[in-house]
């Protein structure tokens, strides 16, 4: 199916195989192909998996951006 998809305009810096992977991931997600439920997380961690929504709520502080100085000089 990926061979049938033609990308007319892409950024030259993005490798073709990556573009194809993104397109196929999108198509498979829309088709429900990635809608798979397993017990792997529970087996590996010993606890049930959290939903993405719950995970993001619990870890929101890790995703908040930091305000850097106006001169954009980042000092680590």
PDB file of N, CA and C in Angstrom:
ATOM      1  N   UNK A   1       0.822  -1.198   0.000  1.00  0.00           N
ATOM      2  CA  UNK A   1       0.000   0.000   0.000  1.00  0.00           C
ATOM      3  C   UNK A   1       0.867   1.264   0.000  1.00  0.00           C
ATOM      4  N   UNK A   2       1.976   1.236   0.735  1.00  0.00           N
ATOM      5  CA  UNK A   2       2.830   2.418   0.810  1.00  0.00           C
ATOM      6  C   UNK A   2       3.377   2.792  -0.558  1.00  0.00           C
ATOM      7  N   UNK A   3       3.608   1.785  -1.400  1.00  0.00           N
ATOM      8  CA  UNK A   3       4.121   2.063  -2.734  1.00  0.00           C
ATOM      9  C   UNK A   3       3.125   2.848  -3.574  1.00  0.00           C
ATOM     10  N   UNK A   4       1.847   2.743  -3.219  1.00  0.00           N
ATOM     11  CA  UNK A   4       0.809   3.432  -3.979  1.00  0.00           C
ATOM     12  C   UNK A   4       0.679   4.902  -3.586  1.00  0.00           C
ATOM     13  N   UNK A   5       1.254   5.264  -2.458  1.00  0.00           N
ATOM     14  CA  UNK A   5       1.137   6.637  -1.971  1.00  0.00           C
ATOM     15  C   UNK A   5       2.252   7.477  -2.580  1.00  0.00           C
ATOM     16  N   UNK A   6       1.868   8.549  -3.212  1.00  0.00           N
ATOM     17  CA  UNK A   6       2.864   9.436  -3.797  1.00  0.00           C
ATOM     18  C   UNK A   6       2.895  10.734  -3.005  1.00  0.00           C
ATOM     19  N   UNK A   7       4.073  11.109  -2.573  1.00  0.00           N
ATOM     20  CA  UNK A   7       4.245  12.355  -1.851  1.00  0.00           C
ATOM     21  C   UNK A   7       4.829  13.354  -2.830  1.00  0.00           C
ATOM     22  N   UNK A   8       4.023  14.372  -3.166  1.00  0.00           N
ATOM     23  CA  UNK A   8       4.448  15.335  -4.185  1.00  0.00           C
ATOM     24  C   UNK A   8       5.413  16.370  -3.639  1.00  0.00           C
ATOM     25  N   UNK A   9       5.192  16.798  -2.397  1.00  0.00           N
ATOM     26  CA  UNK A   9       6.056  17.824  -1.827  1.00  0.00           C
ATOM     27  C   UNK A   9       6.518  17.368  -0.453  1.00  0.00           C
ATOM     28  N   UNK A  10       7.820  17.217  -0.284  1.00  0.00           N
ATOM     29  CA  UNK A  10       8.390  16.892   1.017  1.00  0.00           C
ATOM     30  C   UNK A  10       9.589  17.788   1.246  1.00  0.00           C
ATOM     31  N   UNK A  11       9.968  17.885   2.487  1.00  0.00           N
ATOM     32  CA  UNK A  11      11.162  18.645   2.834  1.00  0.00           C
ATOM     33  C   UNK A  11      12.374  17.810   2.456  1.00  0.00           C
ATOM     34  N   UNK A  12      13.333  18.390   1.753  1.00  0.00           N
ATOM     35  CA  UNK A  12      14.508  17.613   1.331  1.00  0.00           C
ATOM     36  C   UNK A  12      15.277  16.999   2.503  1.00  0.00           C
ATOM     37  N   UNK A  13      15.132  17.587   3.692  1.00  0.00           N
ATOM     38  CA  UNK A  13      15.862  17.092   4.858  1.00  0.00           C
ATOM     39  C   UNK A  13      15.233  15.844   5.459  1.00  0.00           C
ATOM     40  N   UNK A  14      14.037  15.482   5.036  1.00  0.00           N
ATOM     41  CA  UNK A  14      13.353  14.324   5.603  1.00  0.00           C
ATOM     42  C   UNK A  14      13.565  13.126   4.668  1.00  0.00           C
ATOM     43  N   UNK A  15      14.210  12.078   5.185  1.00  0.00           N
ATOM     44  CA  UNK A  15      14.455  10.901   4.341  1.00  0.00           C
ATOM     45  C   UNK A  15      13.151  10.227   3.905  1.00  0.00           C
ATOM     46  N   UNK A  16      13.119   9.765   2.665  1.00  0.00           N
ATOM     47  CA  UNK A  16      11.944   9.109   2.113  1.00  0.00           C
ATOM     48  C   UNK A  16      11.390   7.983   2.978  1.00  0.00           C
ATOM     49  N   UNK A  17      12.264   7.070   3.500  1.00  0.00           N
ATOM     50  CA  UNK A  17      11.746   5.986   4.339  1.00  0.00           C
ATOM     51  C   UNK A  17      11.014   6.491   5.589  1.00  0.00           C
ATOM     52  N   UNK A  18      11.464   7.616   6.136  1.00  0.00           N
ATOM     53  CA  UNK A  18      10.781   8.175   7.302  1.00  0.00           C
ATOM     54  C   UNK A  18       9.401   8.692   6.913  1.00  0.00           C
ATOM     55  N   UNK A  19       9.318   9.364   5.770  1.00  0.00           N
ATOM     56  CA  UNK A  19       8.030   9.859   5.280  1.00  0.00           C
ATOM     57  C   UNK A  19       7.067   8.690   5.100  1.00  0.00           C
ATOM     58  N   UNK A  20       7.550   7.613   4.495  1.00  0.00           N
ATOM     59  CA  UNK A  20       6.714   6.436   4.283  1.00  0.00           C
ATOM     60  C   UNK A  20       6.252   5.840   5.614  1.00  0.00           C
ATOM     61  N   UNK A  21       7.143   5.792   6.599  1.00  0.00           N
ATOM     62  CA  UNK A  21       6.786   5.260   7.919  1.00  0.00           C
ATOM     63  C   UNK A  21       5.703   6.099   8.573  1.00  0.00           C
ATOM     64  N   UNK A  22       5.824   7.413   8.489  1.00  0.00           N
ATOM     65  CA  UNK A  22       4.813   8.298   9.077  1.00  0.00           C
ATOM     66  C   UNK A  22       3.469   8.101   8.384  1.00  0.00           C
ATOM     67  N   UNK A  23       3.486   8.020   7.075  1.00  0.00           N
ATOM     68  CA  UNK A  23       2.243   7.825   6.315  1.00  0.00           C
ATOM     69  C   UNK A  23       1.600   6.490   6.669  1.00  0.00           C
ATOM     70  N   UNK A  24       2.401   5.430   6.715  1.00  0.00           N
ATOM     71  CA  UNK A  24       1.852   4.113   7.023  1.00  0.00           C
ATOM     72  C   UNK A  24       1.331   4.053   8.463  1.00  0.00           C
ATOM     73  N   UNK A  25       2.017   4.714   9.397  1.00  0.00           N
ATOM     74  CA  UNK A  25       1.535   4.762  10.777  1.00  0.00           C
ATOM     75  C   UNK A  25       0.190   5.454  10.838  1.00  0.00           C
ATOM     76  N   UNK A  26       0.053   6.556  10.128  1.00  0.00           N
ATOM     77  CA  UNK A  26      -1.215   7.281  10.085  1.00  0.00           C
ATOM     78  C   UNK A  26      -2.325   6.421   9.494  1.00  0.00           C
ATOM     79  N   UNK A  27      -2.053   5.781   8.360  1.00  0.00           N
ATOM     80  CA  UNK A  27      -3.060   4.937   7.708  1.00  0.00           C
ATOM     81  C   UNK A  27      -3.466   3.756   8.591  1.00  0.00           C
ATOM     82  N   UNK A  28      -2.486   3.114   9.229  1.00  0.00           N
ATOM     83  CA  UNK A  28      -2.788   1.989  10.111  1.00  0.00           C
ATOM     84  C   UNK A  28      -3.562   2.417  11.348  1.00  0.00           C
ATOM     85  N   UNK A  29      -3.254   3.596  11.871  1.00  0.00           N
ATOM     86  CA  UNK A  29      -3.992   4.106  13.024  1.00  0.00           C
ATOM     87  C   UNK A  29      -5.437   4.364  12.640  1.00  0.00           C
ATOM     88  N   UNK A  30      -5.648   5.022  11.503  1.00  0.00           N
ATOM     89  CA  UNK A  30      -7.010   5.298  11.035  1.00  0.00           C
ATOM     90  C   UNK A  30      -7.787   4.017  10.752  1.00  0.00           C
ATOM     91  N   UNK A  31      -7.100   2.979  10.281  1.00  0.00           N
ATOM     92  CA  UNK A  31      -7.752   1.713   9.960  1.00  0.00           C
ATOM     93  C   UNK A  31      -7.994   0.853  11.198  1.00  0.00           C
ATOM     94  N   UNK A  32      -7.434   1.273  12.345  1.00  0.00           N
ATOM     95  CA  UNK A  32      -7.622   0.505  13.573  1.00  0.00           C
ATOM     96  C   UNK A  32      -6.636  -0.632  13.743  1.00  0.00           C
ATOM     97  N   UNK A  33      -5.650  -0.720  12.870  1.00  0.00           N
ATOM     98  CA  UNK A  33      -4.663  -1.790  12.933  1.00  0.00           C
ATOM     99  C   UNK A  33      -3.829  -1.745  14.209  1.00  0.00           C
ATOM    100  N   UNK A  34      -3.619  -0.558  14.753  1.00  0.00           N
ATOM    101  CA  UNK A  34      -2.809  -0.416  15.962  1.00  0.00           C
ATOM    102  C   UNK A  34      -3.652  -0.468  17.232  1.00  0.00           C
ATOM    103  N   UNK A  35      -4.922  -0.768  17.102  1.00  0.00           N
ATOM    104  CA  UNK A  35      -5.827  -0.835  18.244  1.00  0.00           C
ATOM    105  C   UNK A  35      -5.735  -2.233  18.864  1.00  0.00           C
ATOM    106  N   UNK A  36      -4.606  -2.493  19.511  1.00  0.00           N
ATOM    107  CA  UNK A  36      -4.322  -3.812  20.054  1.00  0.00           C
ATOM    108  C   UNK A  36      -4.208  -3.707  21.580  1.00  0.00           C
ATOM    109  N   UNK A  37      -4.860  -4.622  22.282  1.00  0.00           N
ATOM    110  CA  UNK A  37      -4.782  -4.647  23.735  1.00  0.00           C
ATOM    111  C   UNK A  37      -4.116  -5.951  24.158  1.00  0.00           C
ATOM    112  N   UNK A  38      -3.064  -5.828  24.957  1.00  0.00           N
ATOM    113  CA  UNK A  38      -2.391  -7.013  25.486  1.00  0.00           C
ATOM    114  C   UNK A  38      -2.187  -6.825  26.990  1.00  0.00           C
ATOM    115  N   UNK A  39      -1.685  -7.848  27.653  1.00  0.00           N
ATOM    116  CA  UNK A  39      -1.408  -7.752  29.083  1.00  0.00           C
ATOM    117  C   UNK A  39       0.093  -7.608  29.354  1.00  0.00           C
ATOM    118  N   UNK A  40       0.849  -7.220  28.351  1.00  0.00           N
ATOM    119  CA  UNK A  40       2.304  -7.125  28.466  1.00  0.00           C
ATOM    120  C   UNK A  40       2.736  -6.155  29.562  1.00  0.00           C
ATOM    121  N   UNK A  41       2.132  -4.975  29.640  1.00  0.00           N
ATOM    122  CA  UNK A  41       2.516  -3.992  30.664  1.00  0.00           C
ATOM    123  C   UNK A  41       2.302  -4.567  32.054  1.00  0.00           C
ATOM    124  N   UNK A  42       1.157  -5.179  32.273  1.00  0.00           N
ATOM    125  CA  UNK A  42       0.862  -5.775  33.582  1.00  0.00           C
ATOM    126  C   UNK A  42       1.856  -6.889  33.906  1.00  0.00           C
ATOM    127  N   UNK A  43       2.219  -7.686  32.911  1.00  0.00           N
ATOM    128  CA  UNK A  43       3.184  -8.760  33.134  1.00  0.00           C
ATOM    129  C   UNK A  43       4.566  -8.213  33.490  1.00  0.00           C
ATOM    130  N   UNK A  44       4.974  -7.145  32.808  1.00  0.00           N
ATOM    131  CA  UNK A  44       6.312  -6.585  33.033  1.00  0.00           C
ATOM    132  C   UNK A  44       6.416  -5.758  34.308  1.00  0.00           C
ATOM    133  N   UNK A  45       5.355  -5.011  34.640  1.00  0.00           N
ATOM    134  CA  UNK A  45       5.426  -4.091  35.779  1.00  0.00           C
ATOM    135  C   UNK A  45       4.721  -4.600  37.030  1.00  0.00           C
ATOM    136  N   UNK A  46       3.842  -5.591  36.849  1.00  0.00           N
ATOM    137  CA  UNK A  46       3.088  -6.091  37.988  1.00  0.00           C
ATOM    138  C   UNK A  46       1.909  -5.216  38.356  1.00  0.00           C
ATOM    139  N   UNK A  47       1.585  -4.257  37.526  1.00  0.00           N
ATOM    140  CA  UNK A  47       0.423  -3.391  37.764  1.00  0.00           C
ATOM    141  C   UNK A  47      -0.264  -3.111  36.436  1.00  0.00           C
ATOM    142  N   UNK A  48      -1.541  -2.755  36.499  1.00  0.00           N
ATOM    143  CA  UNK A  48      -2.261  -2.512  35.242  1.00  0.00           C
ATOM    144  C   UNK A  48      -1.757  -1.243  34.543  1.00  0.00           C
ATOM    145  N   UNK A  49      -1.877  -1.208  33.229  1.00  0.00           N
ATOM    146  CA  UNK A  49      -1.436  -0.014  32.494  1.00  0.00           C
ATOM    147  C   UNK A  49      -2.358   1.168  32.759  1.00  0.00           C
ATOM    148  N   UNK A  50      -1.794   2.359  32.616  1.00  0.00           N
ATOM    149  CA  UNK A  50      -2.580   3.587  32.747  1.00  0.00           C
ATOM    150  C   UNK A  50      -2.969   4.062  31.361  1.00  0.00           C
ATOM    151  N   UNK A  51      -4.070   4.772  31.285  1.00  0.00           N
ATOM    152  CA  UNK A  51      -4.443   5.366  30.005  1.00  0.00           C
ATOM    153  C   UNK A  51      -3.473   6.503  29.707  1.00  0.00           C
ATOM    154  N   UNK A  52      -3.389   6.900  28.456  1.00  0.00           N
ATOM    155  CA  UNK A  52      -2.525   8.020  28.098  1.00  0.00           C
ATOM    156  C   UNK A  52      -2.951   9.272  28.846  1.00  0.00           C
ATOM    157  N   UNK A  53      -4.263   9.483  28.951  1.00  0.00           N
ATOM    158  CA  UNK A  53      -4.791  10.656  29.654  1.00  0.00           C
ATOM    159  C   UNK A  53      -4.318  10.666  31.108  1.00  0.00           C
ATOM    160  N   UNK A  54      -4.438   9.533  31.797  1.00  0.00           N
ATOM    161  CA  UNK A  54      -4.000   9.449  33.194  1.00  0.00           C
ATOM    162  C   UNK A  54      -2.493   9.638  33.319  1.00  0.00           C
ATOM    163  N   UNK A  55      -1.733   9.043  32.394  1.00  0.00           N
ATOM    164  CA  UNK A  55      -0.286   9.193  32.410  1.00  0.00           C
ATOM    165  C   UNK A  55       0.111  10.661  32.257  1.00  0.00           C
ATOM    166  N   UNK A  56      -0.516  11.358  31.316  1.00  0.00           N
ATOM    167  CA  UNK A  56      -0.187  12.769  31.091  1.00  0.00           C
ATOM    168  C   UNK A  56      -0.560  13.627  32.287  1.00  0.00           C
ATOM    169  N   UNK A  57      -1.689  13.340  32.923  1.00  0.00           N
ATOM    170  CA  UNK A  57      -2.074  14.081  34.127  1.00  0.00           C
ATOM    171  C   UNK A  57      -1.047  13.876  35.230  1.00  0.00           C
ATOM    172  N   UNK A  58      -0.648  12.627  35.423  1.00  0.00           N
ATOM    173  CA  UNK A  58       0.289  12.289  36.480  1.00  0.00           C
ATOM    174  C   UNK A  58       1.671  12.887  36.239  1.00  0.00           C
ATOM    175  N   UNK A  59       2.051  13.016  34.982  1.00  0.00           N
ATOM    176  CA  UNK A  59       3.400  13.482  34.628  1.00  0.00           C
ATOM    177  C   UNK A  59       3.408  14.839  33.942  1.00  0.00           C
ATOM    178  N   UNK A  60       2.368  15.625  34.117  1.00  0.00           N
ATOM    179  CA  UNK A  60       2.247  16.913  33.420  1.00  0.00           C
ATOM    180  C   UNK A  60       3.464  17.805  33.620  1.00  0.00           C
ATOM    181  N   UNK A  61       4.021  17.816  34.819  1.00  0.00           N
ATOM    182  CA  UNK A  61       5.164  18.703  35.091  1.00  0.00           C
ATOM    183  C   UNK A  61       6.375  18.362  34.230  1.00  0.00           C
ATOM    184  N   UNK A  62       6.454  17.156  33.748  1.00  0.00           N
ATOM    185  CA  UNK A  62       7.583  16.760  32.895  1.00  0.00           C
ATOM    186  C   UNK A  62       7.449  17.297  31.475  1.00  0.00           C
ATOM    187  N   UNK A  63       6.236  17.716  31.102  1.00  0.00           N
ATOM    188  CA  UNK A  63       5.988  18.175  29.744  1.00  0.00           C
ATOM    189  C   UNK A  63       5.819  19.688  29.640  1.00  0.00           C
ATOM    190  N   UNK A  64       5.920  20.378  30.753  1.00  0.00           N
ATOM    191  CA  UNK A  64       5.756  21.826  30.756  1.00  0.00           C
ATOM    192  C   UNK A  64       7.052  22.458  30.264  1.00  0.00           C
ATOM    193  N   UNK A  65       6.932  23.421  29.377  1.00  0.00           N
ATOM    194  CA  UNK A  65       8.128  24.074  28.841  1.00  0.00           C
ATOM    195  C   UNK A  65       8.696  25.057  29.853  1.00  0.00           C
ATOM    196  N   UNK A  66       9.969  25.315  29.703  1.00  0.00           N
ATOM    197  CA  UNK A  66      10.681  26.230  30.586  1.00  0.00           C
ATOM    198  C   UNK A  66      10.890  27.543  29.850  1.00  0.00           C
ATOM    199  N   UNK A  67      10.653  28.652  30.519  1.00  0.00           N
ATOM    200  CA  UNK A  67      10.910  29.970  29.926  1.00  0.00           C
ATOM    201  C   UNK A  67      12.396  30.270  30.020  1.00  0.00           C
ATOM    202  N   UNK A  68      13.015  30.446  28.872  1.00  0.00           N
ATOM    203  CA  UNK A  68      14.435  30.768  28.831  1.00  0.00           C
ATOM    204  C   UNK A  68      14.609  32.275  28.693  1.00  0.00           C
ATOM    205  N   UNK A  69      15.800  32.780  29.021  1.00  0.00           N
ATOM    206  CA  UNK A  69      16.049  34.220  28.887  1.00  0.00           C
ATOM    207  C   UNK A  69      15.770  34.701  27.461  1.00  0.00           C
ATOM    208  N   UNK A  70      15.428  35.965  27.328  1.00  0.00           N
ATOM    209  CA  UNK A  70      15.078  36.549  26.037  1.00  0.00           C
ATOM    210  C   UNK A  70      16.188  36.442  25.010  1.00  0.00           C
ATOM    211  N   UNK A  71      17.445  36.418  25.477  1.00  0.00           N
ATOM    212  CA  UNK A  71      18.560  36.355  24.526  1.00  0.00           C
ATOM    213  C   UNK A  71      18.775  34.935  23.978  1.00  0.00           C
ATOM    214  N   UNK A  72      17.958  33.982  24.432  1.00  0.00           N
ATOM    215  CA  UNK A  72      18.015  32.585  23.973  1.00  0.00           C
ATOM    216  C   UNK A  72      19.342  31.891  24.254  1.00  0.00           C
ATOM    217  N   UNK A  73      20.143  32.466  25.123  1.00  0.00           N
ATOM    218  CA  UNK A  73      21.382  31.787  25.518  1.00  0.00           C
ATOM    219  C   UNK A  73      21.030  30.814  26.637  1.00  0.00           C
ATOM    220  N   UNK A  74      21.080  29.557  26.314  1.00  0.00           N
ATOM    221  CA  UNK A  74      20.723  28.535  27.280  1.00  0.00           C
ATOM    222  C   UNK A  74      22.006  28.060  27.966  1.00  0.00           C
ATOM    223  N   UNK A  75      22.047  28.164  29.257  1.00  0.00           N
ATOM    224  CA  UNK A  75      23.208  27.771  30.037  1.00  0.00           C
ATOM    225  C   UNK A  75      22.860  26.522  30.831  1.00  0.00           C
ATOM    226  N   UNK A  76      23.536  25.434  30.525  1.00  0.00           N
ATOM    227  CA  UNK A  76      23.261  24.172  31.224  1.00  0.00           C
ATOM    228  C   UNK A  76      24.298  23.920  32.279  1.00  0.00           C
TER     229      UNK A  76
END
